[in-house]
N, C-alpha and C. Protein backbone atom coordinates (compact mmCIF):
# COMPACT_ATOMS: atom_id res chain seq x y z
N MET A 1 35.48 -40.85 16.28
CA MET A 1 36.07 -41.63 15.34
C MET A 1 35.40 -43.27 15.60
N ASN A 2 35.35 -44.18 14.38
CA ASN A 2 34.87 -44.69 14.49
C ASN A 2 35.67 -46.42 14.98
N GLU A 3 35.29 -47.38 15.85
CA GLU A 3 35.71 -48.57 16.37
C GLU A 3 36.64 -49.07 14.96
N LEU A 4 37.58 -49.29 15.56
CA LEU A 4 38.51 -49.92 15.12
C LEU A 4 39.02 -51.49 15.09
N THR A 5 39.24 -52.07 13.84
CA THR A 5 39.96 -53.80 13.90
C THR A 5 40.55 -53.74 14.71
N PRO A 6 40.91 -54.90 15.34
CA PRO A 6 42.29 -55.04 15.79
C PRO A 6 43.75 -54.52 15.27
N GLU A 7 43.68 -55.01 14.06
CA GLU A 7 44.64 -54.54 12.81
C GLU A 7 44.92 -53.22 12.59
N GLU A 8 44.07 -52.79 12.47
CA GLU A 8 43.98 -51.11 12.31
C GLU A 8 44.21 -50.51 13.66
N GLU A 9 44.34 -51.04 14.47
CA GLU A 9 44.45 -50.52 16.02
C GLU A 9 45.89 -50.85 16.58
N ARG A 10 46.30 -52.08 15.57
CA ARG A 10 47.85 -52.40 15.61
C ARG A 10 48.71 -51.03 14.64
N ARG A 11 47.99 -51.22 13.43
CA ARG A 11 48.87 -50.07 12.53
C ARG A 11 48.66 -48.94 13.16
N LYS A 12 47.23 -48.10 14.10
CA LYS A 12 47.83 -46.65 14.69
C LYS A 12 48.75 -46.79 15.33
N ARG A 13 49.12 -47.69 16.16
CA ARG A 13 50.05 -48.05 17.17
C ARG A 13 51.30 -47.93 16.53
N LEU A 14 51.44 -48.40 15.87
CA LEU A 14 53.00 -48.19 15.08
C LEU A 14 53.25 -46.98 14.05
N ILE A 15 52.15 -46.78 13.72
CA ILE A 15 52.23 -45.54 13.40
C ILE A 15 52.55 -43.55 14.41
N PHE A 16 52.13 -44.34 15.23
CA PHE A 16 51.78 -43.08 16.64
C PHE A 16 53.39 -43.37 16.98
N ASP A 17 54.00 -44.91 17.33
CA ASP A 17 55.31 -44.83 17.42
C ASP A 17 56.50 -44.50 16.92
N SER A 18 56.33 -44.98 15.79
CA SER A 18 57.39 -44.12 14.56
C SER A 18 57.09 -42.67 14.61
N MET A 19 56.47 -41.85 15.27
CA MET A 19 56.39 -40.12 14.95
C MET A 19 57.62 -39.64 15.41
N SER A 20 57.85 -39.06 15.55
CA SER A 20 58.42 -37.74 16.72
C SER A 20 57.91 -37.51 17.86
N PRO A 21 58.68 -37.07 18.86
CA PRO A 21 58.58 -36.61 20.09
C PRO A 21 57.34 -35.53 20.26
N ARG A 22 57.82 -34.48 19.36
CA ARG A 22 56.82 -33.38 19.39
C ARG A 22 55.26 -33.35 18.74
N ARG A 23 55.37 -34.66 17.27
CA ARG A 23 54.25 -34.58 17.23
C ARG A 23 53.08 -35.46 18.32
N LYS A 24 53.97 -36.79 18.40
CA LYS A 24 53.00 -37.29 19.66
C LYS A 24 52.81 -36.55 20.75
N LYS A 25 53.30 -35.64 21.36
CA LYS A 25 53.03 -34.76 22.22
C LYS A 25 51.84 -33.82 21.61
N PHE A 26 51.90 -33.84 20.68
CA PHE A 26 50.92 -33.07 20.07
C PHE A 26 48.98 -33.62 19.76
N ILE A 27 49.22 -35.20 19.02
CA ILE A 27 48.48 -36.23 19.43
C ILE A 27 47.85 -36.25 20.60
N LEU A 28 49.09 -36.44 21.99
CA LEU A 28 48.41 -36.40 22.96
C LEU A 28 47.64 -35.40 23.39
N LYS A 29 47.83 -34.50 23.05
CA LYS A 29 47.29 -33.29 23.98
C LYS A 29 45.24 -33.27 23.35
N ARG A 30 45.71 -33.56 21.73
CA ARG A 30 44.12 -33.46 21.22
C ARG A 30 43.39 -35.01 22.05
N GLY A 31 44.24 -35.96 22.06
CA GLY A 31 43.18 -37.55 22.42
C GLY A 31 43.70 -38.12 21.60
N TYR A 32 44.61 -39.30 22.22
CA TYR A 32 44.91 -40.48 21.11
C TYR A 32 43.76 -41.13 20.55
N ASP A 33 42.74 -41.21 21.17
CA ASP A 33 41.58 -42.00 20.64
C ASP A 33 40.77 -41.07 20.31
N LYS A 34 40.65 -39.91 19.73
CA LYS A 34 40.16 -38.89 18.90
C LYS A 34 41.21 -38.79 17.32
N TRP A 35 42.16 -39.32 17.70
CA TRP A 35 43.28 -39.08 16.66
C TRP A 35 43.38 -40.18 15.17
N ASP A 36 42.70 -39.61 14.04
CA ASP A 36 42.62 -40.52 12.57
C ASP A 36 43.80 -40.85 11.91
N PRO A 37 44.44 -41.84 11.79
CA PRO A 37 45.72 -41.36 11.26
C PRO A 37 45.33 -42.28 9.74
N PHE A 38 43.83 -42.41 9.66
CA PHE A 38 43.43 -43.54 8.45
C PHE A 38 42.52 -42.15 7.69
N MET A 39 42.08 -41.11 7.78
CA MET A 39 41.84 -40.16 7.34
C MET A 39 41.25 -40.33 5.99
N LYS A 40 40.97 -39.54 5.36
CA LYS A 40 40.87 -39.60 3.57
C LYS A 40 41.35 -38.19 3.27
N PRO A 41 42.42 -37.84 2.67
CA PRO A 41 42.47 -36.81 2.01
C PRO A 41 41.23 -35.70 1.93
N LYS A 42 41.10 -34.79 2.62
CA LYS A 42 40.23 -33.42 1.59
C LYS A 42 40.67 -33.32 -0.61
N ASP A 43 39.04 -33.24 -0.41
CA ASP A 43 39.71 -32.93 -2.13
C ASP A 43 40.01 -31.47 -2.39
N PRO A 44 40.70 -31.44 -3.51
CA PRO A 44 41.48 -29.77 -3.61
C PRO A 44 40.51 -29.14 -3.74
N ILE A 45 40.96 -27.65 -3.91
CA ILE A 45 40.22 -26.54 -3.90
C ILE A 45 39.89 -26.86 -5.14
N ASP A 46 38.43 -26.25 -5.37
CA ASP A 46 38.37 -25.50 -6.64
C ASP A 46 38.87 -25.38 -7.74
N ILE A 47 39.24 -25.26 -8.73
CA ILE A 47 39.95 -24.05 -9.67
C ILE A 47 39.48 -23.51 -10.19
N ARG A 48 40.03 -22.30 -9.92
CA ARG A 48 39.15 -21.10 -10.20
C ARG A 48 38.78 -20.66 -11.45
N ARG A 49 37.56 -20.07 -11.59
CA ARG A 49 37.14 -20.12 -13.34
C ARG A 49 36.29 -18.74 -13.32
N ASP A 50 36.80 -17.99 -14.40
CA ASP A 50 36.28 -16.88 -14.73
C ASP A 50 34.85 -17.20 -14.96
N ARG A 51 33.82 -15.40 -14.94
CA ARG A 51 32.46 -15.93 -15.60
C ARG A 51 31.52 -16.76 -17.14
N SER A 52 33.16 -17.03 -17.57
CA SER A 52 33.06 -17.74 -19.22
C SER A 52 32.57 -18.93 -18.21
N ARG A 53 33.64 -19.52 -17.26
CA ARG A 53 33.40 -20.83 -16.70
C ARG A 53 35.10 -21.24 -17.28
N ARG A 54 35.46 -20.48 -18.12
CA ARG A 54 37.29 -20.79 -17.61
C ARG A 54 38.30 -20.80 -16.74
N THR A 55 39.10 -21.68 -17.16
CA THR A 55 40.37 -21.63 -16.59
C THR A 55 41.18 -20.40 -16.93
N THR A 56 42.09 -19.96 -16.10
CA THR A 56 42.81 -18.99 -16.07
C THR A 56 43.94 -19.62 -16.98
N GLN A 57 44.52 -20.68 -17.20
CA GLN A 57 44.97 -21.44 -18.09
C GLN A 57 44.51 -21.48 -19.56
N SER A 58 43.18 -21.46 -19.38
CA SER A 58 42.54 -21.58 -21.00
C SER A 58 42.47 -20.16 -21.41
N LEU A 59 42.43 -19.44 -20.64
CA LEU A 59 41.79 -18.31 -21.16
C LEU A 59 43.28 -17.63 -21.46
N VAL A 60 44.20 -17.66 -21.52
CA VAL A 60 45.50 -17.16 -21.77
C VAL A 60 46.05 -17.85 -23.06
N THR A 61 45.54 -19.36 -22.63
CA THR A 61 45.85 -20.35 -23.81
C THR A 61 44.97 -19.32 -25.22
N GLU A 62 43.99 -19.46 -25.17
CA GLU A 62 43.22 -18.94 -26.09
C GLU A 62 43.54 -17.61 -26.62
N PHE A 63 43.74 -16.47 -25.56
CA PHE A 63 44.38 -15.41 -25.69
C PHE A 63 45.89 -15.55 -26.85
N LEU A 64 46.40 -16.31 -26.36
CA LEU A 64 47.91 -16.12 -26.92
C LEU A 64 48.04 -16.75 -27.64
N HIS A 65 46.86 -17.95 -28.60
CA HIS A 65 46.62 -18.78 -29.81
C HIS A 65 46.62 -17.51 -31.00
N GLU A 66 45.43 -16.95 -30.32
CA GLU A 66 45.50 -15.90 -31.41
C GLU A 66 46.07 -15.03 -32.16
N ARG A 67 47.58 -14.86 -31.25
CA ARG A 67 48.56 -14.16 -32.06
C ARG A 67 49.47 -14.70 -32.65
N PRO A 68 50.06 -14.63 -33.44
CA PRO A 68 51.38 -15.09 -34.12
C PRO A 68 52.07 -15.10 -33.10
N LEU A 69 52.88 -16.45 -33.36
CA LEU A 69 54.01 -16.40 -32.06
C LEU A 69 55.30 -15.74 -32.49
N GLU A 70 55.57 -14.66 -33.44
CA GLU A 70 56.40 -13.81 -33.95
C GLU A 70 55.97 -12.20 -33.14
N GLU A 71 55.22 -12.26 -32.55
CA GLU A 71 54.46 -10.87 -32.23
C GLU A 71 54.26 -11.05 -30.22
N TYR A 72 54.90 -12.03 -29.61
CA TYR A 72 55.17 -11.56 -28.55
C TYR A 72 56.40 -12.35 -27.83
N SER A 73 56.91 -12.40 -26.84
CA SER A 73 58.24 -13.21 -25.69
C SER A 73 57.57 -13.97 -24.70
N ASN A 74 58.11 -14.38 -24.05
CA ASN A 74 57.97 -14.82 -23.19
C ASN A 74 57.52 -14.16 -21.68
N GLU A 75 57.91 -12.91 -22.17
CA GLU A 75 57.68 -12.08 -21.19
C GLU A 75 56.06 -11.63 -21.35
N TYR A 76 56.04 -11.30 -22.60
CA TYR A 76 54.44 -11.30 -23.07
C TYR A 76 53.45 -12.06 -22.64
N GLY A 77 54.03 -13.25 -22.75
CA GLY A 77 52.90 -14.14 -22.01
C GLY A 77 52.83 -14.44 -20.35
N ARG A 78 53.81 -13.72 -20.21
CA ARG A 78 54.50 -14.29 -18.48
C ARG A 78 52.69 -12.74 -17.81
N GLY A 79 53.32 -11.87 -18.54
CA GLY A 79 52.08 -10.78 -18.28
C GLY A 79 50.59 -11.21 -18.67
N VAL A 80 50.49 -11.37 -19.77
CA VAL A 80 49.08 -11.82 -19.77
C VAL A 80 48.79 -13.00 -18.70
N PHE A 81 49.41 -14.23 -18.31
CA PHE A 81 49.13 -14.65 -17.22
C PHE A 81 48.87 -14.10 -16.20
N GLU A 82 50.17 -13.16 -15.82
CA GLU A 82 49.79 -12.36 -14.31
C GLU A 82 47.99 -11.73 -14.52
N ILE A 83 48.27 -10.69 -15.26
CA ILE A 83 46.94 -10.17 -15.07
C ILE A 83 45.87 -10.87 -15.44
N CYS A 84 45.98 -12.27 -15.85
CA CYS A 84 44.70 -13.24 -16.09
C CYS A 84 44.29 -13.45 -14.50
N LEU A 85 45.18 -13.87 -14.16
CA LEU A 85 45.03 -14.51 -12.88
C LEU A 85 44.16 -13.17 -11.54
N GLY A 86 45.50 -12.14 -11.92
CA GLY A 86 44.54 -10.78 -11.54
C GLY A 86 43.28 -10.54 -11.14
N ILE A 87 42.84 -10.44 -12.74
CA ILE A 87 41.06 -10.14 -12.42
C ILE A 87 40.95 -11.39 -12.46
N ILE A 88 40.92 -12.49 -12.68
CA ILE A 88 39.98 -13.47 -11.84
C ILE A 88 40.02 -13.67 -10.34
N ASN A 89 40.71 -13.67 -10.03
CA ASN A 89 40.97 -13.27 -8.19
C ASN A 89 40.49 -12.40 -7.95
N GLN A 90 40.20 -10.93 -8.90
CA GLN A 90 39.08 -10.10 -8.61
C GLN A 90 40.42 -9.28 -7.26
N ASP A 91 41.51 -8.90 -7.86
CA ASP A 91 42.98 -8.20 -7.26
C ASP A 91 42.57 -6.88 -7.54
N GLU A 92 42.45 -6.02 -6.69
CA GLU A 92 41.91 -4.74 -6.80
C GLU A 92 43.32 -3.73 -7.92
N ARG A 93 44.38 -4.77 -7.36
CA ARG A 93 45.77 -4.16 -8.56
C ARG A 93 45.74 -4.43 -9.63
N TYR A 94 45.03 -5.54 -10.56
CA TYR A 94 45.18 -6.22 -11.98
C TYR A 94 43.63 -5.16 -12.11
N LYS A 95 42.52 -5.38 -11.29
CA LYS A 95 41.72 -4.28 -12.00
C LYS A 95 41.95 -3.08 -12.16
N GLY A 96 42.53 -2.20 -11.60
CA GLY A 96 42.97 -1.19 -11.83
C GLY A 96 43.49 -0.95 -13.16
N MET A 97 45.01 -2.28 -13.26
CA MET A 97 45.68 -2.01 -14.68
C MET A 97 44.65 -2.37 -15.58
N TYR A 98 44.04 -3.08 -15.63
CA TYR A 98 43.01 -3.11 -16.83
C TYR A 98 41.99 -2.00 -17.26
N ASP A 99 41.37 -1.42 -15.95
CA ASP A 99 40.20 -0.21 -16.13
C ASP A 99 41.66 0.58 -16.58
N PHE A 100 43.01 0.79 -16.45
CA PHE A 100 43.48 1.91 -16.90
C PHE A 100 43.32 1.87 -18.19
N ALA A 101 43.88 0.44 -19.02
CA ALA A 101 44.21 -0.14 -20.12
C ALA A 101 43.21 0.29 -21.46
N CYS A 102 41.81 0.08 -20.55
CA CYS A 102 40.82 0.31 -21.24
C CYS A 102 40.28 1.74 -21.58
N TRP A 103 40.39 2.46 -20.31
CA TRP A 103 40.15 3.97 -20.84
C TRP A 103 41.76 4.44 -21.46
N TYR A 104 43.03 4.24 -21.88
CA TYR A 104 44.14 4.67 -22.32
C TYR A 104 43.69 4.36 -23.70
N GLN A 105 43.02 3.18 -24.44
CA GLN A 105 42.30 2.82 -25.61
C GLN A 105 41.71 4.11 -25.91
N ALA A 106 40.87 4.08 -25.01
CA ALA A 106 39.40 4.80 -25.58
C ALA A 106 40.29 6.24 -25.70
N LEU A 107 41.00 6.64 -24.72
CA LEU A 107 41.67 7.95 -25.26
C LEU A 107 42.17 7.98 -26.19
N LEU A 108 43.15 7.32 -26.68
CA LEU A 108 43.98 7.59 -27.93
C LEU A 108 42.71 7.16 -29.49
N ARG A 109 41.82 6.07 -29.15
CA ARG A 109 40.87 6.46 -30.56
C ARG A 109 39.97 7.61 -30.46
N LYS A 110 39.61 8.47 -29.44
CA LYS A 110 38.80 9.01 -29.59
C LYS A 110 39.82 10.26 -29.70
N GLU A 111 41.22 10.64 -30.03
CA GLU A 111 42.01 11.66 -30.32
C GLU A 111 42.62 11.09 -31.38
N GLY A 112 41.87 10.29 -32.15
CA GLY A 112 42.52 9.65 -33.39
C GLY A 112 43.89 8.76 -33.55
N HIS A 113 44.51 8.39 -32.37
CA HIS A 113 45.83 7.52 -32.70
C HIS A 113 45.56 6.64 -32.62
N GLU A 114 44.95 5.89 -33.61
CA GLU A 114 44.39 4.09 -33.85
C GLU A 114 45.58 3.42 -33.77
N ASP A 115 45.34 2.01 -33.52
CA ASP A 115 46.80 1.19 -33.09
C ASP A 115 47.13 1.05 -34.80
């Protein structure tokens, strides 16, 4: 940790003194001198994007905007969001669901059962 000004050292002591005994013990175990109560917060995690550089929310919104409002319910929208999130996160469960849906659609077309 960098050298602290007298004002920063005073603030550090005030912060430490206001903590619970358990938290103080944790800090003392690691070393009071190494403890930095003024650390900058870490950047938030990157927002996951698919190969097209779209977020889950933008994909869901784009998909649902192509459908008339009367044709889908809240439950339908939740399903779209859930599978979108699963596919982007490369979750095997959702990959299986997607593969089955594609296979089933191809099977119905092959047998002449068009939508």
